[in-house]
Amino acid sequence: MVIHAPAGSTVAARTVGWLRDLGASVAELLLPQRCPGCGVPADARRLLCDACHAAIPRVSFAICARCLAREREPVGCARHPGFQVWPAWLHDERAAAAVQAFKFEARTALASPLALEMARALPPGRFDLVLAVPLHPTRRRERGYDQAALLAEALGAALGVPRFARALRRERPTRPQTTLDAAGRRRNLRGAFQVPHSAELRGRRVLLVDDVITTGATFEAALAALEAAGAHATGAALSWAQ
């Protein structure tokens, strides 16, 4: 179930998305799938072979996006409860291959199995809504889809929690975070996220989803916007790129 805020996508955008997904599905059926980790035959629905999938380091703890963004120790922080992010994996070469295929190669069918990995890593508890860290519309048009939104929808389905589409809005495109120092990353994302429907989030327990947490600055900015709107937010990421 997806909760949609007012406004919708155009027929043209939906058609492009359908054609992209159809092309990716046909390619997966016709082309032999080799595991990008070791080269053996693999199930296209999961990309990696069983051995490489099992070898990805799993995470069983939260990291603090606020501490990570400020280059402080992010594990075990109790000072910033609204900035916890639960990653499923550590970002090794096998995790990187899965993220690359999903995020940049239109392997959108990976959303469901990747979301199951994320669901496994979450702490016990119940969420009211699932949200995605949004792409700026310009970047979404360039990529053709929003990978975080696909993960959020699949994770919501796995958890039995509705996704609130457009709960967060990205006001402007931002520079790549990895090219900036800690202070520059915070400046880069200052005011980047807005909550256009804050009344619908106030007091709700929300799960904020993105594919990878790297510097922590994006999660910190988005979680701060949700906190200011009165939501009780927790982050979920597929992978932590240390």
C-alpha atoms as a PDB file:
ATOM      1  CA  MET A   1       0.000   0.000   0.000  1.00  0.00           C
ATOM      2  CA  VAL A   2       1.302   3.436  -0.907  1.00  0.00           C
ATOM      3  CA  ILE A   3      -0.078   6.665   0.538  1.00  0.00           C
ATOM      4  CA  HIS A   4       0.145   9.326  -2.111  1.00  0.00           C
ATOM      5  CA  ALA A   5       0.285  13.004  -1.373  1.00  0.00           C
ATOM      6  CA  PRO A   6      -1.461  15.293  -3.873  1.00  0.00           C
ATOM      7  CA  ALA A   7       0.071  15.437  -7.368  1.00  0.00           C
ATOM      8  CA  GLY A   8       1.046  12.559  -9.593  1.00  0.00           C
ATOM      9  CA  SER A   9       3.421  11.513 -12.316  1.00  0.00           C
ATOM     10  CA  THR A  10       2.700  12.058 -15.980  1.00  0.00           C
ATOM     11  CA  VAL A  11       1.511   9.355 -18.356  1.00  0.00           C
ATOM     12  CA  ALA A  12       4.759   9.729 -20.286  1.00  0.00           C
ATOM     13  CA  ALA A  13       6.880   9.138 -17.179  1.00  0.00           C
ATOM     14  CA  ARG A  14       4.860   6.060 -16.269  1.00  0.00           C
ATOM     15  CA  THR A  15       5.224   4.701 -19.806  1.00  0.00           C
ATOM     16  CA  VAL A  16       8.992   5.221 -19.782  1.00  0.00           C
ATOM     17  CA  GLY A  17       9.233   3.454 -16.436  1.00  0.00           C
ATOM     18  CA  TRP A  18       7.135   0.527 -17.671  1.00  0.00           C
ATOM     19  CA  LEU A  19       9.249   0.131 -20.803  1.00  0.00           C
ATOM     20  CA  ARG A  20      12.467   0.298 -18.761  1.00  0.00           C
ATOM     21  CA  ASP A  21      11.252  -2.394 -16.357  1.00  0.00           C
ATOM     22  CA  LEU A  22      10.059  -4.560 -19.244  1.00  0.00           C
ATOM     23  CA  GLY A  23      13.414  -4.284 -21.002  1.00  0.00           C
ATOM     24  CA  ALA A  24      15.311  -5.160 -17.828  1.00  0.00           C
ATOM     25  CA  SER A  25      13.054  -8.185 -17.223  1.00  0.00           C
ATOM     26  CA  VAL A  26      13.520  -9.469 -20.775  1.00  0.00           C
ATOM     27  CA  ALA A  27      17.295  -9.054 -20.502  1.00  0.00           C
ATOM     28  CA  GLU A  28      17.357 -10.997 -17.248  1.00  0.00           C
ATOM     29  CA  LEU A  29      15.446 -13.856 -18.885  1.00  0.00           C
ATOM     30  CA  LEU A  30      17.451 -14.008 -22.110  1.00  0.00           C
ATOM     31  CA  LEU A  31      20.981 -13.318 -20.898  1.00  0.00           C
ATOM     32  CA  PRO A  32      22.819 -15.867 -18.735  1.00  0.00           C
ATOM     33  CA  GLN A  33      23.386 -14.516 -15.253  1.00  0.00           C
ATOM     34  CA  ARG A  34      26.890 -14.789 -13.825  1.00  0.00           C
ATOM     35  CA  CYS A  35      27.650 -13.839 -10.255  1.00  0.00           C
ATOM     36  CA  PRO A  36      29.604 -10.555 -10.326  1.00  0.00           C
ATOM     37  CA  GLY A  37      31.469 -11.700  -7.223  1.00  0.00           C
ATOM     38  CA  CYS A  38      32.997 -14.914  -8.564  1.00  0.00           C
ATOM     39  CA  GLY A  39      31.635 -15.590 -12.055  1.00  0.00           C
ATOM     40  CA  VAL A  40      29.651 -18.758 -11.383  1.00  0.00           C
ATOM     41  CA  PRO A  41      26.044 -19.115 -12.605  1.00  0.00           C
ATOM     42  CA  ALA A  42      23.622 -17.267 -10.324  1.00  0.00           C
ATOM     43  CA  ASP A  43      19.935 -16.595  -9.935  1.00  0.00           C
ATOM     44  CA  ALA A  44      19.112 -13.343 -11.752  1.00  0.00           C
ATOM     45  CA  ARG A  45      16.531 -12.522  -9.089  1.00  0.00           C
ATOM     46  CA  ARG A  46      19.294 -12.168  -6.486  1.00  0.00           C
ATOM     47  CA  LEU A  47      22.298 -11.395  -8.741  1.00  0.00           C
ATOM     48  CA  LEU A  48      24.895 -12.988  -6.428  1.00  0.00           C
ATOM     49  CA  CYS A  49      25.521 -16.700  -6.007  1.00  0.00           C
ATOM     50  CA  ASP A  50      24.705 -18.282  -2.646  1.00  0.00           C
ATOM     51  CA  ALA A  51      28.336 -18.248  -1.500  1.00  0.00           C
ATOM     52  CA  CYS A  52      28.968 -14.587  -2.338  1.00  0.00           C
ATOM     53  CA  HIS A  53      25.613 -13.539  -0.907  1.00  0.00           C
ATOM     54  CA  ALA A  54      26.381 -15.350   2.352  1.00  0.00           C
ATOM     55  CA  ALA A  55      29.881 -13.812   2.497  1.00  0.00           C
ATOM     56  CA  ILE A  56      28.654 -10.200   2.669  1.00  0.00           C
ATOM     57  CA  PRO A  57      29.339  -8.950   6.225  1.00  0.00           C
ATOM     58  CA  ARG A  58      26.043  -8.479   8.071  1.00  0.00           C
ATOM     59  CA  VAL A  59      25.387  -5.671  10.561  1.00  0.00           C
ATOM     60  CA  SER A  60      23.402  -6.097  13.767  1.00  0.00           C
ATOM     61  CA  PHE A  61      23.685  -2.608  15.283  1.00  0.00           C
ATOM     62  CA  ALA A  62      22.612   0.962  14.583  1.00  0.00           C
ATOM     63  CA  ILE A  63      24.927   3.778  13.594  1.00  0.00           C
ATOM     64  CA  CYS A  64      24.321   7.426  14.452  1.00  0.00           C
ATOM     65  CA  ALA A  65      24.007   9.527  11.287  1.00  0.00           C
ATOM     66  CA  ARG A  66      24.685  12.717  13.224  1.00  0.00           C
ATOM     67  CA  CYS A  67      27.947  11.431  14.703  1.00  0.00           C
ATOM     68  CA  LEU A  68      28.996   9.904  11.390  1.00  0.00           C
ATOM     69  CA  ALA A  69      28.383  13.198   9.569  1.00  0.00           C
ATOM     70  CA  ARG A  70      30.581  14.965  12.120  1.00  0.00           C
ATOM     71  CA  GLU A  71      33.312  12.321  11.836  1.00  0.00           C
ATOM     72  CA  ARG A  72      32.760  11.021  15.358  1.00  0.00           C
ATOM     73  CA  GLU A  73      32.370   7.392  16.416  1.00  0.00           C
ATOM     74  CA  PRO A  74      28.876   6.467  15.136  1.00  0.00           C
ATOM     75  CA  VAL A  75      28.408   3.120  16.891  1.00  0.00           C
ATOM     76  CA  GLY A  76      26.886   3.025  20.361  1.00  0.00           C
ATOM     77  CA  CYS A  77      25.710   6.659  20.419  1.00  0.00           C
ATOM     78  CA  ALA A  78      22.911   7.304  22.932  1.00  0.00           C
ATOM     79  CA  ARG A  79      22.874  11.112  22.587  1.00  0.00           C
ATOM     80  CA  HIS A  80      20.976  11.314  19.295  1.00  0.00           C
ATOM     81  CA  PRO A  81      18.112   8.789  19.372  1.00  0.00           C
ATOM     82  CA  GLY A  82      16.385  10.393  16.383  1.00  0.00           C
ATOM     83  CA  PHE A  83      19.380   9.795  14.116  1.00  0.00           C
ATOM     84  CA  GLN A  84      19.804   6.028  14.310  1.00  0.00           C
ATOM     85  CA  VAL A  85      20.263   4.200  11.016  1.00  0.00           C
ATOM     86  CA  TRP A  86      20.198   0.392  10.776  1.00  0.00           C
ATOM     87  CA  PRO A  87      22.279  -0.908   7.837  1.00  0.00           C
ATOM     88  CA  ALA A  88      21.944  -4.514   6.711  1.00  0.00           C
ATOM     89  CA  TRP A  89      25.429  -4.941   5.203  1.00  0.00           C
ATOM     90  CA  LEU A  90      28.938  -3.607   5.323  1.00  0.00           C
ATOM     91  CA  HIS A  91      29.806  -2.353   1.866  1.00  0.00           C
ATOM     92  CA  ASP A  92      32.325  -4.868   0.545  1.00  0.00           C
ATOM     93  CA  GLU A  93      32.853  -5.664  -3.152  1.00  0.00           C
ATOM     94  CA  ARG A  94      29.889  -8.073  -3.246  1.00  0.00           C
ATOM     95  CA  ALA A  95      27.531  -5.552  -1.651  1.00  0.00           C
ATOM     96  CA  ALA A  96      28.883  -2.912  -4.037  1.00  0.00           C
ATOM     97  CA  ALA A  97      28.064  -5.143  -7.036  1.00  0.00           C
ATOM     98  CA  ALA A  98      24.469  -5.564  -5.859  1.00  0.00           C
ATOM     99  CA  VAL A  99      24.065  -1.826  -5.252  1.00  0.00           C
ATOM    100  CA  GLN A 100      25.629  -0.995  -8.628  1.00  0.00           C
ATOM    101  CA  ALA A 101      23.250  -3.304 -10.489  1.00  0.00           C
ATOM    102  CA  PHE A 102      20.199  -2.070  -8.618  1.00  0.00           C
ATOM    103  CA  LYS A 103      21.017   1.625  -8.579  1.00  0.00           C
ATOM    104  CA  PHE A 104      22.648   2.221 -11.962  1.00  0.00           C
ATOM    105  CA  GLU A 105      21.842  -0.746 -14.210  1.00  0.00           C
ATOM    106  CA  ALA A 106      18.027  -0.763 -13.916  1.00  0.00           C
ATOM    107  CA  ARG A 107      17.939  -4.121 -12.115  1.00  0.00           C
ATOM    108  CA  THR A 108      14.817  -2.974 -10.314  1.00  0.00           C
ATOM    109  CA  ALA A 109      13.613  -6.531  -9.640  1.00  0.00           C
ATOM    110  CA  LEU A 110      16.337  -6.703  -6.978  1.00  0.00           C
ATOM    111  CA  ALA A 111      14.315  -4.349  -4.771  1.00  0.00           C
ATOM    112  CA  SER A 112      12.342  -7.135  -3.069  1.00  0.00           C
ATOM    113  CA  PRO A 113      15.245  -9.443  -2.120  1.00  0.00           C
ATOM    114  CA  LEU A 114      17.336  -6.454  -1.025  1.00  0.00           C
ATOM    115  CA  ALA A 115      14.448  -5.174   1.090  1.00  0.00           C
ATOM    116  CA  LEU A 116      14.263  -8.553   2.836  1.00  0.00           C
ATOM    117  CA  GLU A 117      17.913  -8.129   3.827  1.00  0.00           C
ATOM    118  CA  MET A 118      17.035  -4.728   5.280  1.00  0.00           C
ATOM    119  CA  ALA A 119      14.015  -6.093   7.145  1.00  0.00           C
ATOM    120  CA  ARG A 120      16.232  -8.699   8.803  1.00  0.00           C
ATOM    121  CA  ALA A 121      18.522  -6.002  10.169  1.00  0.00           C
ATOM    122  CA  LEU A 122      15.819  -3.846  11.779  1.00  0.00           C
ATOM    123  CA  PRO A 123      15.235  -3.892  15.538  1.00  0.00           C
ATOM    124  CA  PRO A 124      11.985  -5.258  16.977  1.00  0.00           C
ATOM    125  CA  GLY A 125       9.147  -2.772  16.922  1.00  0.00           C
ATOM    126  CA  ARG A 126       6.410  -1.395  14.771  1.00  0.00           C
ATOM    127  CA  PHE A 127       6.447   1.488  12.317  1.00  0.00           C
ATOM    128  CA  ASP A 128       3.470   3.480  11.120  1.00  0.00           C
ATOM    129  CA  LEU A 129       4.876   4.605   7.778  1.00  0.00           C
ATOM    130  CA  VAL A 130       7.814   3.932   5.472  1.00  0.00           C
ATOM    131  CA  LEU A 131       9.432   6.874   3.649  1.00  0.00           C
ATOM    132  CA  ALA A 132      12.227   7.150   1.108  1.00  0.00           C
ATOM    133  CA  VAL A 133      15.109   9.607   0.997  1.00  0.00           C
ATOM    134  CA  PRO A 134      14.069  11.350  -2.227  1.00  0.00           C
ATOM    135  CA  LEU A 135      16.106  12.005  -5.322  1.00  0.00           C
ATOM    136  CA  HIS A 136      15.885  15.452  -6.788  1.00  0.00           C
ATOM    137  CA  PRO A 137      13.545  15.314  -9.832  1.00  0.00           C
ATOM    138  CA  THR A 138      16.419  16.208 -12.176  1.00  0.00           C
ATOM    139  CA  ARG A 139      18.465  13.228 -11.009  1.00  0.00           C
ATOM    140  CA  ARG A 140      15.457  10.967 -11.116  1.00  0.00           C
ATOM    141  CA  ARG A 141      14.849  11.872 -14.748  1.00  0.00           C
ATOM    142  CA  GLU A 142      18.506  11.175 -15.552  1.00  0.00           C
ATOM    143  CA  ARG A 143      18.401   7.751 -13.869  1.00  0.00           C
ATOM    144  CA  GLY A 144      14.871   6.867 -14.913  1.00  0.00           C
ATOM    145  CA  TYR A 145      13.783   5.687 -11.466  1.00  0.00           C
ATOM    146  CA  ASP A 146      14.243   6.355  -7.762  1.00  0.00           C
ATOM    147  CA  GLN A 147      16.037   3.407  -6.190  1.00  0.00           C
ATOM    148  CA  ALA A 148      15.284   4.480  -2.605  1.00  0.00           C
ATOM    149  CA  ALA A 149      11.568   4.697  -3.386  1.00  0.00           C
ATOM    150  CA  LEU A 150      11.638   1.165  -4.823  1.00  0.00           C
ATOM    151  CA  LEU A 151      13.410  -0.117  -1.708  1.00  0.00           C
ATOM    152  CA  ALA A 152      10.951   1.721   0.561  1.00  0.00           C
ATOM    153  CA  GLU A 153       7.969   0.245  -1.254  1.00  0.00           C
ATOM    154  CA  ALA A 154       9.411  -3.279  -1.088  1.00  0.00           C
ATOM    155  CA  LEU A 155      10.424  -2.889   2.560  1.00  0.00           C
ATOM    156  CA  GLY A 156       6.981  -1.569   3.452  1.00  0.00           C
ATOM    157  CA  ALA A 157       5.435  -4.613   1.772  1.00  0.00           C
ATOM    158  CA  ALA A 158       7.765  -6.942   3.689  1.00  0.00           C
ATOM    159  CA  LEU A 159       6.904  -5.263   7.007  1.00  0.00           C
ATOM    160  CA  GLY A 160       3.213  -4.761   6.297  1.00  0.00           C
ATOM    161  CA  VAL A 161       3.609  -0.984   6.678  1.00  0.00           C
ATOM    162  CA  PRO A 162       2.300   1.563   4.138  1.00  0.00           C
ATOM    163  CA  ARG A 163       4.705   3.799   2.275  1.00  0.00           C
ATOM    164  CA  PHE A 164       3.979   7.530   2.324  1.00  0.00           C
ATOM    165  CA  ALA A 165       5.049   8.774  -1.110  1.00  0.00           C
ATOM    166  CA  ARG A 166       6.290  12.369  -1.282  1.00  0.00           C
ATOM    167  CA  ALA A 167       6.464  12.711   2.502  1.00  0.00           C
ATOM    168  CA  LEU A 168       9.874  14.297   1.974  1.00  0.00           C
ATOM    169  CA  ARG A 169      10.746  16.639  -0.863  1.00  0.00           C
ATOM    170  CA  ARG A 170      14.238  17.350  -2.108  1.00  0.00           C
ATOM    171  CA  GLU A 171      14.331  21.051  -2.797  1.00  0.00           C
ATOM    172  CA  ARG A 172      17.501  21.203  -4.863  1.00  0.00           C
ATOM    173  CA  PRO A 173      20.172  18.938  -6.325  1.00  0.00           C
ATOM    174  CA  THR A 174      23.311  18.591  -4.216  1.00  0.00           C
ATOM    175  CA  ARG A 175      26.961  17.961  -4.968  1.00  0.00           C
ATOM    176  CA  PRO A 176      28.373  14.456  -4.353  1.00  0.00           C
ATOM    177  CA  GLN A 177      29.099  14.210  -0.648  1.00  0.00           C
ATOM    178  CA  THR A 178      32.338  12.259  -0.997  1.00  0.00           C
ATOM    179  CA  THR A 179      34.100  15.296  -2.533  1.00  0.00           C
ATOM    180  CA  LEU A 180      33.468  17.464   0.561  1.00  0.00           C
ATOM    181  CA  ASP A 181      34.762  17.633   4.125  1.00  0.00           C
ATOM    182  CA  ALA A 182      32.386  17.243   7.110  1.00  0.00           C
ATOM    183  CA  ALA A 183      31.501  20.939   7.301  1.00  0.00           C
ATOM    184  CA  GLY A 184      31.056  21.128   3.529  1.00  0.00           C
ATOM    185  CA  ARG A 185      28.710  18.155   3.569  1.00  0.00           C
ATOM    186  CA  ARG A 186      26.467  19.851   6.121  1.00  0.00           C
ATOM    187  CA  ARG A 187      26.435  23.072   4.096  1.00  0.00           C
ATOM    188  CA  ASN A 188      25.718  21.131   0.934  1.00  0.00           C
ATOM    189  CA  LEU A 189      22.576  19.607   2.456  1.00  0.00           C
ATOM    190  CA  ARG A 190      21.368  22.548   4.527  1.00  0.00           C
ATOM    191  CA  GLY A 191      17.725  23.078   3.646  1.00  0.00           C
ATOM    192  CA  ALA A 192      17.823  20.347   1.003  1.00  0.00           C
ATOM    193  CA  PHE A 193      14.826  18.474   2.448  1.00  0.00           C
ATOM    194  CA  GLN A 194      11.346  19.772   3.202  1.00  0.00           C
ATOM    195  CA  VAL A 195       8.319  18.037   4.736  1.00  0.00           C
ATOM    196  CA  PRO A 196       5.287  19.312   2.804  1.00  0.00           C
ATOM    197  CA  HIS A 197       2.713  17.323   4.822  1.00  0.00           C
ATOM    198  CA  SER A 198       4.046  17.593   8.361  1.00  0.00           C
ATOM    199  CA  ALA A 199       0.624  17.268   9.993  1.00  0.00           C
ATOM    200  CA  GLU A 200       0.358  13.726   8.630  1.00  0.00           C
ATOM    201  CA  LEU A 201       3.715  12.764  10.162  1.00  0.00           C
ATOM    202  CA  ARG A 202       3.462  14.419  13.568  1.00  0.00           C
ATOM    203  CA  GLY A 203       3.752  11.803  16.298  1.00  0.00           C
ATOM    204  CA  ARG A 204       4.076   8.937  13.811  1.00  0.00           C
ATOM    205  CA  ARG A 205       6.801   6.300  13.929  1.00  0.00           C
ATOM    206  CA  VAL A 206       8.418   6.443  10.514  1.00  0.00           C
ATOM    207  CA  LEU A 207      11.138   4.415   8.839  1.00  0.00           C
ATOM    208  CA  LEU A 208      13.333   6.384   6.434  1.00  0.00           C
ATOM    209  CA  VAL A 209      14.938   4.284   3.684  1.00  0.00           C
ATOM    210  CA  ASP A 210      17.969   4.777   1.445  1.00  0.00           C
ATOM    211  CA  ASP A 211      20.287   2.365  -0.340  1.00  0.00           C
ATOM    212  CA  VAL A 212      23.706   3.276   1.106  1.00  0.00           C
ATOM    213  CA  ILE A 213      24.871   5.350   4.058  1.00  0.00           C
ATOM    214  CA  THR A 214      28.361   6.719   3.431  1.00  0.00           C
ATOM    215  CA  THR A 215      29.172  10.032   5.126  1.00  0.00           C
ATOM    216  CA  GLY A 216      25.914  10.136   7.100  1.00  0.00           C
ATOM    217  CA  ALA A 217      25.131  13.694   6.013  1.00  0.00           C
ATOM    218  CA  THR A 218      22.172  12.851   3.780  1.00  0.00           C
ATOM    219  CA  PHE A 219      20.501  10.744   6.449  1.00  0.00           C
ATOM    220  CA  GLU A 220      21.259  13.377   9.081  1.00  0.00           C
ATOM    221  CA  ALA A 221      19.642  16.162   7.022  1.00  0.00           C
ATOM    222  CA  ALA A 222      16.567  14.101   6.148  1.00  0.00           C
ATOM    223  CA  LEU A 223      16.097  12.798   9.708  1.00  0.00           C
ATOM    224  CA  ALA A 224      16.496  16.336  11.062  1.00  0.00           C
ATOM    225  CA  ALA A 225      13.699  17.521   8.745  1.00  0.00           C
ATOM    226  CA  LEU A 226      11.448  14.722   9.982  1.00  0.00           C
ATOM    227  CA  GLU A 227      12.304  15.477  13.609  1.00  0.00           C
ATOM    228  CA  ALA A 228      11.410  19.139  13.065  1.00  0.00           C
ATOM    229  CA  ALA A 229       8.069  17.995  11.633  1.00  0.00           C
ATOM    230  CA  GLY A 230       7.321  16.077  14.828  1.00  0.00           C
ATOM    231  CA  ALA A 231       7.899  12.549  13.508  1.00  0.00           C
ATOM    232  CA  HIS A 232       9.682   9.797  15.446  1.00  0.00           C
ATOM    233  CA  ALA A 233      12.060   8.603  12.750  1.00  0.00           C
ATOM    234  CA  THR A 234      14.509   5.735  12.324  1.00  0.00           C
ATOM    235  CA  GLY A 235      16.735   5.133   9.321  1.00  0.00           C
ATOM    236  CA  ALA A 236      17.280   1.935   7.336  1.00  0.00           C
ATOM    237  CA  ALA A 237      20.010   1.413   4.736  1.00  0.00           C
ATOM    238  CA  LEU A 238      20.966  -1.586   2.649  1.00  0.00           C
ATOM    239  CA  SER A 239      24.703  -1.022   3.106  1.00  0.00           C
ATOM    240  CA  TRP A 240      27.173   1.006   5.142  1.00  0.00           C
ATOM    241  CA  ALA A 241      30.129   2.181   3.059  1.00  0.00           C
ATOM    242  CA  GLN A 242      32.744   2.904   5.721  1.00  0.00           C
END
